PDB file of all heavy atoms in Angstrom:
ATOM      1  N   ARG A   1       3.295 -40.933  27.662  1.00  0.00           N
ATOM      2  CA  ARG A   1       4.537 -40.471  27.038  1.00  0.00           C
ATOM      3  C   ARG A   1       4.830 -39.001  27.319  1.00  0.00           C
ATOM      4  O   ARG A   1       5.495 -38.329  26.551  1.00  0.00           O
ATOM      5  CB  ARG A   1       4.491 -40.721  25.540  1.00  0.00           C
ATOM      6  CG  ARG A   1       4.437 -42.197  25.233  1.00  0.00           C
ATOM      7  CD  ARG A   1       4.648 -42.545  23.806  1.00  0.00           C
ATOM      8  NE  ARG A   1       3.865 -41.735  22.878  1.00  0.00           N
ATOM      9  CZ  ARG A   1       3.874 -41.917  21.582  1.00  0.00           C
ATOM     10  NH1 ARG A   1       4.636 -42.849  21.059  1.00  0.00           N
ATOM     11  NH2 ARG A   1       3.140 -41.160  20.805  1.00  0.00           N
ATOM     12  N   GLY A   2       4.320 -38.483  28.415  1.00  0.00           N
ATOM     13  CA  GLY A   2       4.620 -37.100  28.781  1.00  0.00           C
ATOM     14  C   GLY A   2       3.369 -36.292  29.069  1.00  0.00           C
ATOM     15  O   GLY A   2       2.350 -36.819  29.484  1.00  0.00           O
ATOM     16  N   ILE A   3       3.458 -34.996  28.823  1.00  0.00           N
ATOM     17  CA  ILE A   3       2.373 -34.074  29.128  1.00  0.00           C
ATOM     18  C   ILE A   3       1.698 -33.638  27.829  1.00  0.00           C
ATOM     19  O   ILE A   3       2.366 -33.344  26.841  1.00  0.00           O
ATOM     20  CB  ILE A   3       2.933 -32.855  29.890  1.00  0.00           C
ATOM     21  CG1 ILE A   3       3.513 -33.323  31.236  1.00  0.00           C
ATOM     22  CG2 ILE A   3       1.860 -31.809  30.113  1.00  0.00           C
ATOM     23  CD1 ILE A   3       4.262 -32.256  31.976  1.00  0.00           C
ATOM     24  N   ALA A   4       0.372 -33.592  27.859  1.00  0.00           N
ATOM     25  CA  ALA A   4      -0.405 -33.182  26.689  1.00  0.00           C
ATOM     26  C   ALA A   4      -1.282 -31.987  27.064  1.00  0.00           C
ATOM     27  O   ALA A   4      -1.551 -31.747  28.239  1.00  0.00           O
ATOM     28  CB  ALA A   4      -1.278 -34.341  26.216  1.00  0.00           C
ATOM     29  N   PRO A   5      -1.733 -31.225  26.066  1.00  0.00           N
ATOM     30  CA  PRO A   5      -2.640 -30.105  26.358  1.00  0.00           C
ATOM     31  C   PRO A   5      -3.930 -30.611  27.014  1.00  0.00           C
ATOM     32  O   PRO A   5      -4.473 -31.639  26.611  1.00  0.00           O
ATOM     33  CB  PRO A   5      -2.933 -29.508  24.976  1.00  0.00           C
ATOM     34  CG  PRO A   5      -1.816 -29.984  24.105  1.00  0.00           C
ATOM     35  CD  PRO A   5      -1.405 -31.318  24.648  1.00  0.00           C
ATOM     36  N   GLY A   6      -4.403 -29.869  27.993  1.00  0.00           N
ATOM     37  CA  GLY A   6      -5.618 -30.241  28.696  1.00  0.00           C
ATOM     38  C   GLY A   6      -6.819 -29.440  28.227  1.00  0.00           C
ATOM     39  O   GLY A   6      -6.733 -28.609  27.310  1.00  0.00           O
ATOM     40  N   ASN A   7      -7.946 -29.664  28.864  1.00  0.00           N
ATOM     41  CA  ASN A   7      -9.201 -29.005  28.505  1.00  0.00           C
ATOM     42  C   ASN A   7      -9.102 -27.479  28.610  1.00  0.00           C
ATOM     43  O   ASN A   7      -9.769 -26.756  27.878  1.00  0.00           O
ATOM     44  CB  ASN A   7     -10.327 -29.535  29.402  1.00  0.00           C
ATOM     45  CG  ASN A   7     -11.691 -29.133  28.912  1.00  0.00           C
ATOM     46  OD1 ASN A   7     -12.027 -29.395  27.770  1.00  0.00           O
ATOM     47  ND2 ASN A   7     -12.466 -28.500  29.765  1.00  0.00           N
ATOM     48  N   GLY A   8      -8.276 -26.982  29.511  1.00  0.00           N
ATOM     49  CA  GLY A   8      -8.127 -25.541  29.674  1.00  0.00           C
ATOM     50  C   GLY A   8      -7.665 -24.844  28.413  1.00  0.00           C
ATOM     51  O   GLY A   8      -8.027 -23.684  28.164  1.00  0.00           O
ATOM     52  N   THR A   9      -6.883 -25.528  27.590  1.00  0.00           N
ATOM     53  CA  THR A   9      -6.446 -24.918  26.327  1.00  0.00           C
ATOM     54  C   THR A   9      -7.624 -24.737  25.385  1.00  0.00           C
ATOM     55  O   THR A   9      -7.713 -23.724  24.689  1.00  0.00           O
ATOM     56  CB  THR A   9      -5.342 -25.762  25.652  1.00  0.00           C
ATOM     57  OG1 THR A   9      -5.839 -27.073  25.387  1.00  0.00           O
ATOM     58  CG2 THR A   9      -4.107 -25.845  26.525  1.00  0.00           C
ATOM     59  N   LEU A  10      -8.536 -25.688  25.373  1.00  0.00           N
ATOM     60  CA  LEU A  10      -9.736 -25.574  24.538  1.00  0.00           C
ATOM     61  C   LEU A  10     -10.676 -24.496  25.072  1.00  0.00           C
ATOM     62  O   LEU A  10     -11.254 -23.720  24.300  1.00  0.00           O
ATOM     63  CB  LEU A  10     -10.462 -26.917  24.453  1.00  0.00           C
ATOM     64  CG  LEU A  10      -9.668 -28.055  23.836  1.00  0.00           C
ATOM     65  CD1 LEU A  10     -10.424 -29.366  23.971  1.00  0.00           C
ATOM     66  CD2 LEU A  10      -9.357 -27.760  22.381  1.00  0.00           C
ATOM     67  N   VAL A  11     -10.822 -24.465  26.390  1.00  0.00           N
ATOM     68  CA  VAL A  11     -11.658 -23.437  27.021  1.00  0.00           C
ATOM     69  C   VAL A  11     -11.119 -22.052  26.680  1.00  0.00           C
ATOM     70  O   VAL A  11     -11.874 -21.133  26.348  1.00  0.00           O
ATOM     71  CB  VAL A  11     -11.738 -23.645  28.550  1.00  0.00           C
ATOM     72  CG1 VAL A  11     -12.417 -22.477  29.239  1.00  0.00           C
ATOM     73  CG2 VAL A  11     -12.457 -24.953  28.874  1.00  0.00           C
ATOM     74  N   SER A  12      -9.816 -21.909  26.734  1.00  0.00           N
ATOM     75  CA  SER A  12      -9.185 -20.627  26.413  1.00  0.00           C
ATOM     76  C   SER A  12      -9.424 -20.235  24.956  1.00  0.00           C
ATOM     77  O   SER A  12      -9.683 -19.064  24.653  1.00  0.00           O
ATOM     78  CB  SER A  12      -7.687 -20.700  26.699  1.00  0.00           C
ATOM     79  OG  SER A  12      -7.080 -19.468  26.425  1.00  0.00           O
ATOM     80  N   ALA A  13      -9.344 -21.200  24.054  1.00  0.00           N
ATOM     81  CA  ALA A  13      -9.575 -20.912  22.635  1.00  0.00           C
ATOM     82  C   ALA A  13     -11.009 -20.436  22.396  1.00  0.00           C
ATOM     83  O   ALA A  13     -11.236 -19.454  21.676  1.00  0.00           O
ATOM     84  CB  ALA A  13      -9.282 -22.149  21.790  1.00  0.00           C
ATOM     85  N   VAL A  14     -11.972 -21.108  23.019  1.00  0.00           N
ATOM     86  CA  VAL A  14     -13.377 -20.700  22.856  1.00  0.00           C
ATOM     87  C   VAL A  14     -13.601 -19.336  23.491  1.00  0.00           C
ATOM     88  O   VAL A  14     -14.268 -18.471  22.914  1.00  0.00           O
ATOM     89  CB  VAL A  14     -14.337 -21.768  23.440  1.00  0.00           C
ATOM     90  CG1 VAL A  14     -15.772 -21.268  23.445  1.00  0.00           C
ATOM     91  CG2 VAL A  14     -14.211 -23.073  22.678  1.00  0.00           C
ATOM     92  N   HIS A  15     -13.032 -19.108  24.666  1.00  0.00           N
ATOM     93  CA  HIS A  15     -13.144 -17.813  25.334  1.00  0.00           C
ATOM     94  C   HIS A  15     -12.599 -16.699  24.444  1.00  0.00           C
ATOM     95  O   HIS A  15     -13.214 -15.637  24.293  1.00  0.00           O
ATOM     96  CB  HIS A  15     -12.413 -17.832  26.668  1.00  0.00           C
ATOM     97  CG  HIS A  15     -12.145 -16.486  27.240  1.00  0.00           C
ATOM     98  ND1 HIS A  15     -10.891 -15.979  27.385  1.00  0.00           N
ATOM     99  CD2 HIS A  15     -12.988 -15.508  27.677  1.00  0.00           C
ATOM    100  CE1 HIS A  15     -10.951 -14.759  27.883  1.00  0.00           C
ATOM    101  NE2 HIS A  15     -12.210 -14.451  28.072  1.00  0.00           N
ATOM    102  N   THR A  16     -11.454 -16.940  23.839  1.00  0.00           N
ATOM    103  CA  THR A  16     -10.850 -15.943  22.953  1.00  0.00           C
ATOM    104  C   THR A  16     -11.744 -15.682  21.748  1.00  0.00           C
ATOM    105  O   THR A  16     -11.921 -14.532  21.327  1.00  0.00           O
ATOM    106  CB  THR A  16      -9.455 -16.410  22.495  1.00  0.00           C
ATOM    107  OG1 THR A  16      -8.636 -16.595  23.666  1.00  0.00           O
ATOM    108  CG2 THR A  16      -8.794 -15.389  21.588  1.00  0.00           C
ATOM    109  N   ALA A  17     -12.336 -16.732  21.210  1.00  0.00           N
ATOM    110  CA  ALA A  17     -13.175 -16.596  20.016  1.00  0.00           C
ATOM    111  C   ALA A  17     -14.487 -15.865  20.289  1.00  0.00           C
ATOM    112  O   ALA A  17     -14.924 -15.052  19.476  1.00  0.00           O
ATOM    113  CB  ALA A  17     -13.465 -17.974  19.422  1.00  0.00           C
ATOM    114  N   VAL A  18     -15.118 -16.143  21.434  1.00  0.00           N
ATOM    115  CA  VAL A  18     -16.439 -15.557  21.699  1.00  0.00           C
ATOM    116  C   VAL A  18     -16.406 -14.384  22.680  1.00  0.00           C
ATOM    117  O   VAL A  18     -17.387 -13.665  22.815  1.00  0.00           O
ATOM    118  CB  VAL A  18     -17.446 -16.622  22.198  1.00  0.00           C
ATOM    119  CG1 VAL A  18     -17.628 -17.715  21.167  1.00  0.00           C
ATOM    120  CG2 VAL A  18     -17.032 -17.204  23.537  1.00  0.00           C
ATOM    121  N   GLY A  19     -15.287 -14.235  23.387  1.00  0.00           N
ATOM    122  CA  GLY A  19     -15.148 -13.106  24.304  1.00  0.00           C
ATOM    123  C   GLY A  19     -15.930 -13.233  25.597  1.00  0.00           C
ATOM    124  O   GLY A  19     -16.177 -12.237  26.275  1.00  0.00           O
ATOM    125  N   ILE A  20     -16.319 -14.456  25.972  1.00  0.00           N
ATOM    126  CA  ILE A  20     -17.084 -14.678  27.199  1.00  0.00           C
ATOM    127  C   ILE A  20     -16.417 -15.795  27.994  1.00  0.00           C
ATOM    128  O   ILE A  20     -16.093 -16.844  27.436  1.00  0.00           O
ATOM    129  CB  ILE A  20     -18.548 -15.082  26.877  1.00  0.00           C
ATOM    130  CG1 ILE A  20     -19.241 -13.973  26.089  1.00  0.00           C
ATOM    131  CG2 ILE A  20     -19.323 -15.402  28.153  1.00  0.00           C
ATOM    132  CD1 ILE A  20     -20.598 -14.379  25.544  1.00  0.00           C
ATOM    133  N   LEU A  21     -16.227 -15.551  29.286  1.00  0.00           N
ATOM    134  CA  LEU A  21     -15.693 -16.599  30.154  1.00  0.00           C
ATOM    135  C   LEU A  21     -16.792 -17.597  30.487  1.00  0.00           C
ATOM    136  O   LEU A  21     -17.931 -17.210  30.768  1.00  0.00           O
ATOM    137  CB  LEU A  21     -15.138 -16.000  31.445  1.00  0.00           C
ATOM    138  CG  LEU A  21     -13.810 -15.264  31.330  1.00  0.00           C
ATOM    139  CD1 LEU A  21     -13.507 -14.525  32.632  1.00  0.00           C
ATOM    140  CD2 LEU A  21     -12.691 -16.244  31.016  1.00  0.00           C
ATOM    141  N   PRO A  22     -16.480 -18.896  30.492  1.00  0.00           N
ATOM    142  CA  PRO A  22     -17.509 -19.885  30.809  1.00  0.00           C
ATOM    143  C   PRO A  22     -17.724 -20.024  32.317  1.00  0.00           C
ATOM    144  O   PRO A  22     -16.881 -19.611  33.118  1.00  0.00           O
ATOM    145  CB  PRO A  22     -16.917 -21.177  30.255  1.00  0.00           C
ATOM    146  CG  PRO A  22     -15.451 -20.993  30.431  1.00  0.00           C
ATOM    147  CD  PRO A  22     -15.210 -19.529  30.150  1.00  0.00           C
ATOM    148  N   VAL A  23     -18.839 -20.617  32.677  1.00  0.00           N
ATOM    149  CA  VAL A  23     -19.057 -21.066  34.044  1.00  0.00           C
ATOM    150  C   VAL A  23     -18.354 -22.416  34.129  1.00  0.00           C
ATOM    151  O   VAL A  23     -18.578 -23.298  33.299  1.00  0.00           O
ATOM    152  CB  VAL A  23     -20.569 -21.229  34.343  1.00  0.00           C
ATOM    153  CG1 VAL A  23     -20.781 -21.891  35.692  1.00  0.00           C
ATOM    154  CG2 VAL A  23     -21.259 -19.888  34.259  1.00  0.00           C
ATOM    155  N   VAL A  24     -17.471 -22.571  35.109  1.00  0.00           N
ATOM    156  CA  VAL A  24     -16.725 -23.821  35.258  1.00  0.00           C
ATOM    157  C   VAL A  24     -17.418 -24.679  36.304  1.00  0.00           C
ATOM    158  O   VAL A  24     -17.631 -24.248  37.432  1.00  0.00           O
ATOM    159  CB  VAL A  24     -15.255 -23.555  35.647  1.00  0.00           C
ATOM    160  CG1 VAL A  24     -14.492 -24.859  35.807  1.00  0.00           C
ATOM    161  CG2 VAL A  24     -14.585 -22.662  34.604  1.00  0.00           C
ATOM    162  N   ALA A  25     -17.773 -25.905  35.912  1.00  0.00           N
ATOM    163  CA  ALA A  25     -18.500 -26.797  36.811  1.00  0.00           C
ATOM    164  C   ALA A  25     -17.577 -27.646  37.676  1.00  0.00           C
ATOM    165  O   ALA A  25     -17.980 -28.134  38.716  1.00  0.00           O
ATOM    166  CB  ALA A  25     -19.407 -27.711  35.981  1.00  0.00           C
TER     167      ALA A  25
END
């Protein structure tokens, strides 16, 4: 039914909260 938020939005939220960029596999 259209476009939904992807995993990148969650990654961004965690990055903002902890201040560390993740290693992306």
